[in-house]
Amino acid sequence: MNKMFALLAVFAASLSLSACSKPPYENVDNAQLKTLIAQGIPLYDVRRPDEWRQTGVVEGSRLLTWVDGGGRVQPGFVENLAADAPKDKPVAIICRTGNRTSQLARELMEQHGYTRVYNVKDGITGWIGAGQPVARP
């Protein structure tokens, strides 16, 4: 029984460390996003077409849906991204509030070999809320 408790304690500790550890990607705010765009780093809006139409998008964003309304990853997403954005080059991603892209950024780095991913931490809602311009897709 003591071995079971020891194993559970190690498992719980590893969960706590991973939940509190610094993400492998970088969260950026609107000012940092503007700098990245000015440097020519591509910005991918990974929301759905209905979301793009509802709010508009950051001017120059590349539109590539990651998950559908049911949370299912779109077939070929990673391959389409990799064809346009090499894994060894920086890439920025944006969604509605930064939650989806936080998960995607981690996945791109830990599972798909991307080396520099920037997550727009407050998403398009933060962009619009700060009075930044949007374009219609």
C-alpha atoms as a PDB file:
ATOM      1  CA  MET A   1       0.000   0.000   0.000  1.00  0.00           C
ATOM      2  CA  ASN A   2       2.886   2.397   0.770  1.00  0.00           C
ATOM      3  CA  LYS A   3       4.253   1.912  -2.749  1.00  0.00           C
ATOM      4  CA  MET A   4       0.880   2.969  -4.154  1.00  0.00           C
ATOM      5  CA  PHE A   5       0.881   6.156  -2.067  1.00  0.00           C
ATOM      6  CA  ALA A   6       4.451   6.893  -3.116  1.00  0.00           C
ATOM      7  CA  LEU A   7       3.533   6.432  -6.773  1.00  0.00           C
ATOM      8  CA  LEU A   8       0.503   8.688  -6.404  1.00  0.00           C
ATOM      9  CA  ALA A   9       2.613  11.343  -4.685  1.00  0.00           C
ATOM     10  CA  VAL A  10       5.143  11.332  -7.539  1.00  0.00           C
ATOM     11  CA  PHE A  11       2.339  11.524 -10.110  1.00  0.00           C
ATOM     12  CA  ALA A  12       0.663  14.414  -8.272  1.00  0.00           C
ATOM     13  CA  ALA A  13       3.967  16.274  -8.015  1.00  0.00           C
ATOM     14  CA  SER A  14       4.607  15.888 -11.730  1.00  0.00           C
ATOM     15  CA  LEU A  15       1.153  17.251 -12.507  1.00  0.00           C
ATOM     16  CA  SER A  16       1.749  20.243 -10.255  1.00  0.00           C
ATOM     17  CA  LEU A  17       5.090  20.990 -11.868  1.00  0.00           C
ATOM     18  CA  SER A  18       3.703  20.778 -15.409  1.00  0.00           C
ATOM     19  CA  ALA A  19       0.700  22.944 -14.547  1.00  0.00           C
ATOM     20  CA  CYS A  20       2.921  25.646 -13.006  1.00  0.00           C
ATOM     21  CA  SER A  21       5.915  25.471 -15.303  1.00  0.00           C
ATOM     22  CA  LYS A  22       6.630  28.168 -17.844  1.00  0.00           C
ATOM     23  CA  PRO A  23       5.165  27.332 -21.259  1.00  0.00           C
ATOM     24  CA  PRO A  24       7.614  26.508 -24.061  1.00  0.00           C
ATOM     25  CA  TYR A  25       6.059  29.228 -26.245  1.00  0.00           C
ATOM     26  CA  GLU A  26       5.937  32.977 -25.660  1.00  0.00           C
ATOM     27  CA  ASN A  27       2.761  34.877 -24.810  1.00  0.00           C
ATOM     28  CA  VAL A  28       2.625  38.304 -26.447  1.00  0.00           C
ATOM     29  CA  ASP A  29       0.436  41.358 -25.984  1.00  0.00           C
ATOM     30  CA  ASN A  30      -0.832  43.719 -28.682  1.00  0.00           C
ATOM     31  CA  ALA A  31       2.281  45.901 -28.740  1.00  0.00           C
ATOM     32  CA  GLN A  32       4.514  42.850 -29.089  1.00  0.00           C
ATOM     33  CA  LEU A  33       2.241  41.475 -31.816  1.00  0.00           C
ATOM     34  CA  LYS A  34       2.607  44.713 -33.784  1.00  0.00           C
ATOM     35  CA  THR A  35       6.384  44.370 -33.509  1.00  0.00           C
ATOM     36  CA  LEU A  36       6.272  40.760 -34.712  1.00  0.00           C
ATOM     37  CA  ILE A  37       4.094  41.717 -37.678  1.00  0.00           C
ATOM     38  CA  ALA A  38       6.466  44.592 -38.545  1.00  0.00           C
ATOM     39  CA  GLN A  39       9.322  42.057 -38.495  1.00  0.00           C
ATOM     40  CA  GLY A  40       7.466  39.956 -41.073  1.00  0.00           C
ATOM     41  CA  ILE A  41       6.559  37.119 -38.714  1.00  0.00           C
ATOM     42  CA  PRO A  42       3.363  35.547 -40.028  1.00  0.00           C
ATOM     43  CA  LEU A  43       0.225  35.689 -37.886  1.00  0.00           C
ATOM     44  CA  TYR A  44      -2.228  32.804 -38.208  1.00  0.00           C
ATOM     45  CA  ASP A  45      -5.801  33.295 -37.097  1.00  0.00           C
ATOM     46  CA  VAL A  46      -6.833  29.740 -36.251  1.00  0.00           C
ATOM     47  CA  ARG A  47     -10.499  30.420 -35.541  1.00  0.00           C
ATOM     48  CA  ARG A  48     -13.425  29.285 -37.679  1.00  0.00           C
ATOM     49  CA  PRO A  49     -14.755  31.227 -40.693  1.00  0.00           C
ATOM     50  CA  ASP A  50     -17.912  32.236 -38.792  1.00  0.00           C
ATOM     51  CA  GLU A  51     -15.704  33.751 -36.075  1.00  0.00           C
ATOM     52  CA  TRP A  52     -13.635  35.666 -38.632  1.00  0.00           C
ATOM     53  CA  ARG A  53     -16.812  37.105 -40.158  1.00  0.00           C
ATOM     54  CA  GLN A  54     -18.216  38.012 -36.742  1.00  0.00           C
ATOM     55  CA  THR A  55     -15.238  40.030 -35.475  1.00  0.00           C
ATOM     56  CA  GLY A  56     -12.961  40.629 -38.410  1.00  0.00           C
ATOM     57  CA  VAL A  57      -9.266  39.718 -38.299  1.00  0.00           C
ATOM     58  CA  VAL A  58      -5.946  41.446 -37.740  1.00  0.00           C
ATOM     59  CA  GLU A  59      -4.891  42.945 -41.076  1.00  0.00           C
ATOM     60  CA  GLY A  60      -2.611  40.534 -42.951  1.00  0.00           C
ATOM     61  CA  SER A  61      -3.547  37.484 -40.862  1.00  0.00           C
ATOM     62  CA  ARG A  62      -3.372  34.143 -42.552  1.00  0.00           C
ATOM     63  CA  LEU A  63      -6.602  32.255 -41.993  1.00  0.00           C
ATOM     64  CA  LEU A  64      -6.251  28.585 -41.100  1.00  0.00           C
ATOM     65  CA  THR A  65      -8.859  26.875 -38.914  1.00  0.00           C
ATOM     66  CA  TRP A  66      -7.422  24.595 -36.242  1.00  0.00           C
ATOM     67  CA  VAL A  67     -10.545  23.040 -34.690  1.00  0.00           C
ATOM     68  CA  ASP A  68     -14.195  22.935 -35.683  1.00  0.00           C
ATOM     69  CA  GLY A  69     -17.079  23.974 -33.432  1.00  0.00           C
ATOM     70  CA  GLY A  70     -16.985  20.564 -31.749  1.00  0.00           C
ATOM     71  CA  GLY A  71     -13.281  20.843 -30.911  1.00  0.00           C
ATOM     72  CA  ARG A  72     -12.113  18.385 -33.581  1.00  0.00           C
ATOM     73  CA  VAL A  73      -8.784  19.194 -35.198  1.00  0.00           C
ATOM     74  CA  GLN A  74      -9.213  19.918 -38.882  1.00  0.00           C
ATOM     75  CA  PRO A  75      -7.591  17.319 -41.139  1.00  0.00           C
ATOM     76  CA  GLY A  76      -4.292  18.518 -42.554  1.00  0.00           C
ATOM     77  CA  PHE A  77      -3.981  21.523 -40.238  1.00  0.00           C
ATOM     78  CA  VAL A  78      -0.383  20.860 -39.191  1.00  0.00           C
ATOM     79  CA  GLU A  79       0.648  19.902 -42.732  1.00  0.00           C
ATOM     80  CA  ASN A  80      -0.925  23.078 -44.168  1.00  0.00           C
ATOM     81  CA  LEU A  81       0.745  25.214 -41.519  1.00  0.00           C
ATOM     82  CA  ALA A  82       4.127  23.544 -42.068  1.00  0.00           C
ATOM     83  CA  ALA A  83       3.850  24.029 -45.842  1.00  0.00           C
ATOM     84  CA  ASP A  84       3.460  27.776 -45.307  1.00  0.00           C
ATOM     85  CA  ALA A  85       5.415  28.313 -42.067  1.00  0.00           C
ATOM     86  CA  PRO A  86       8.618  26.265 -41.706  1.00  0.00           C
ATOM     87  CA  LYS A  87       9.084  24.736 -38.266  1.00  0.00           C
ATOM     88  CA  ASP A  88      12.434  26.474 -37.732  1.00  0.00           C
ATOM     89  CA  LYS A  89      10.968  29.958 -38.352  1.00  0.00           C
ATOM     90  CA  PRO A  90       8.936  32.032 -35.889  1.00  0.00           C
ATOM     91  CA  VAL A  91       5.153  32.003 -36.145  1.00  0.00           C
ATOM     92  CA  ALA A  92       2.426  33.878 -34.248  1.00  0.00           C
ATOM     93  CA  ILE A  93      -1.061  32.514 -33.630  1.00  0.00           C
ATOM     94  CA  ILE A  94      -4.303  34.157 -32.529  1.00  0.00           C
ATOM     95  CA  CYS A  95      -7.771  32.948 -31.579  1.00  0.00           C
ATOM     96  CA  ARG A  96     -10.703  34.555 -29.753  1.00  0.00           C
ATOM     97  CA  THR A  97      -9.234  34.923 -26.237  1.00  0.00           C
ATOM     98  CA  GLY A  98      -5.881  33.128 -26.326  1.00  0.00           C
ATOM     99  CA  ASN A  99      -7.084  29.864 -24.795  1.00  0.00           C
ATOM    100  CA  ARG A 100      -7.149  27.756 -27.955  1.00  0.00           C
ATOM    101  CA  THR A 101      -3.850  29.129 -29.150  1.00  0.00           C
ATOM    102  CA  SER A 102      -2.238  28.527 -25.770  1.00  0.00           C
ATOM    103  CA  GLN A 103      -3.007  24.840 -26.226  1.00  0.00           C
ATOM    104  CA  LEU A 104      -2.033  24.892 -29.903  1.00  0.00           C
ATOM    105  CA  ALA A 105       1.258  26.711 -29.230  1.00  0.00           C
ATOM    106  CA  ARG A 106       2.283  24.073 -26.706  1.00  0.00           C
ATOM    107  CA  GLU A 107       1.303  21.283 -29.118  1.00  0.00           C
ATOM    108  CA  LEU A 108       3.200  22.839 -32.018  1.00  0.00           C
ATOM    109  CA  MET A 109       6.370  23.056 -29.967  1.00  0.00           C
ATOM    110  CA  GLU A 110       6.178  19.823 -28.000  1.00  0.00           C
ATOM    111  CA  GLN A 111       4.685  17.511 -30.622  1.00  0.00           C
ATOM    112  CA  HIS A 112       5.368  19.019 -34.037  1.00  0.00           C
ATOM    113  CA  GLY A 113       8.883  20.459 -33.801  1.00  0.00           C
ATOM    114  CA  TYR A 114       8.216  24.188 -34.021  1.00  0.00           C
ATOM    115  CA  THR A 115      10.984  26.196 -32.399  1.00  0.00           C
ATOM    116  CA  ARG A 116       9.458  29.685 -31.922  1.00  0.00           C
ATOM    117  CA  VAL A 117       5.732  30.116 -31.412  1.00  0.00           C
ATOM    118  CA  TYR A 118       4.115  33.327 -30.196  1.00  0.00           C
ATOM    119  CA  ASN A 119       0.638  33.153 -28.664  1.00  0.00           C
ATOM    120  CA  VAL A 120      -1.441  36.342 -28.683  1.00  0.00           C
ATOM    121  CA  LYS A 121      -2.448  35.991 -25.060  1.00  0.00           C
ATOM    122  CA  ASP A 122      -5.693  37.997 -25.159  1.00  0.00           C
ATOM    123  CA  GLY A 123      -6.707  36.991 -28.673  1.00  0.00           C
ATOM    124  CA  ILE A 124      -8.777  39.017 -31.086  1.00  0.00           C
ATOM    125  CA  THR A 125     -11.077  40.163 -28.255  1.00  0.00           C
ATOM    126  CA  GLY A 126      -8.106  41.817 -26.543  1.00  0.00           C
ATOM    127  CA  TRP A 127      -7.022  43.334 -29.846  1.00  0.00           C
ATOM    128  CA  ILE A 128     -10.473  44.785 -30.531  1.00  0.00           C
ATOM    129  CA  GLY A 129     -10.953  45.817 -26.891  1.00  0.00           C
ATOM    130  CA  ALA A 130      -7.799  47.930 -27.151  1.00  0.00           C
ATOM    131  CA  GLY A 131      -9.242  49.748 -30.160  1.00  0.00           C
ATOM    132  CA  GLN A 132      -6.977  48.084 -32.718  1.00  0.00           C
ATOM    133  CA  PRO A 133      -8.221  47.904 -36.321  1.00  0.00           C
ATOM    134  CA  VAL A 134      -9.593  44.779 -37.948  1.00  0.00           C
ATOM    135  CA  ALA A 135     -10.125  43.789 -41.555  1.00  0.00           C
ATOM    136  CA  ARG A 136     -13.017  41.812 -42.966  1.00  0.00           C
ATOM    137  CA  PRO A 137     -11.980  38.385 -44.244  1.00  0.00           C
END
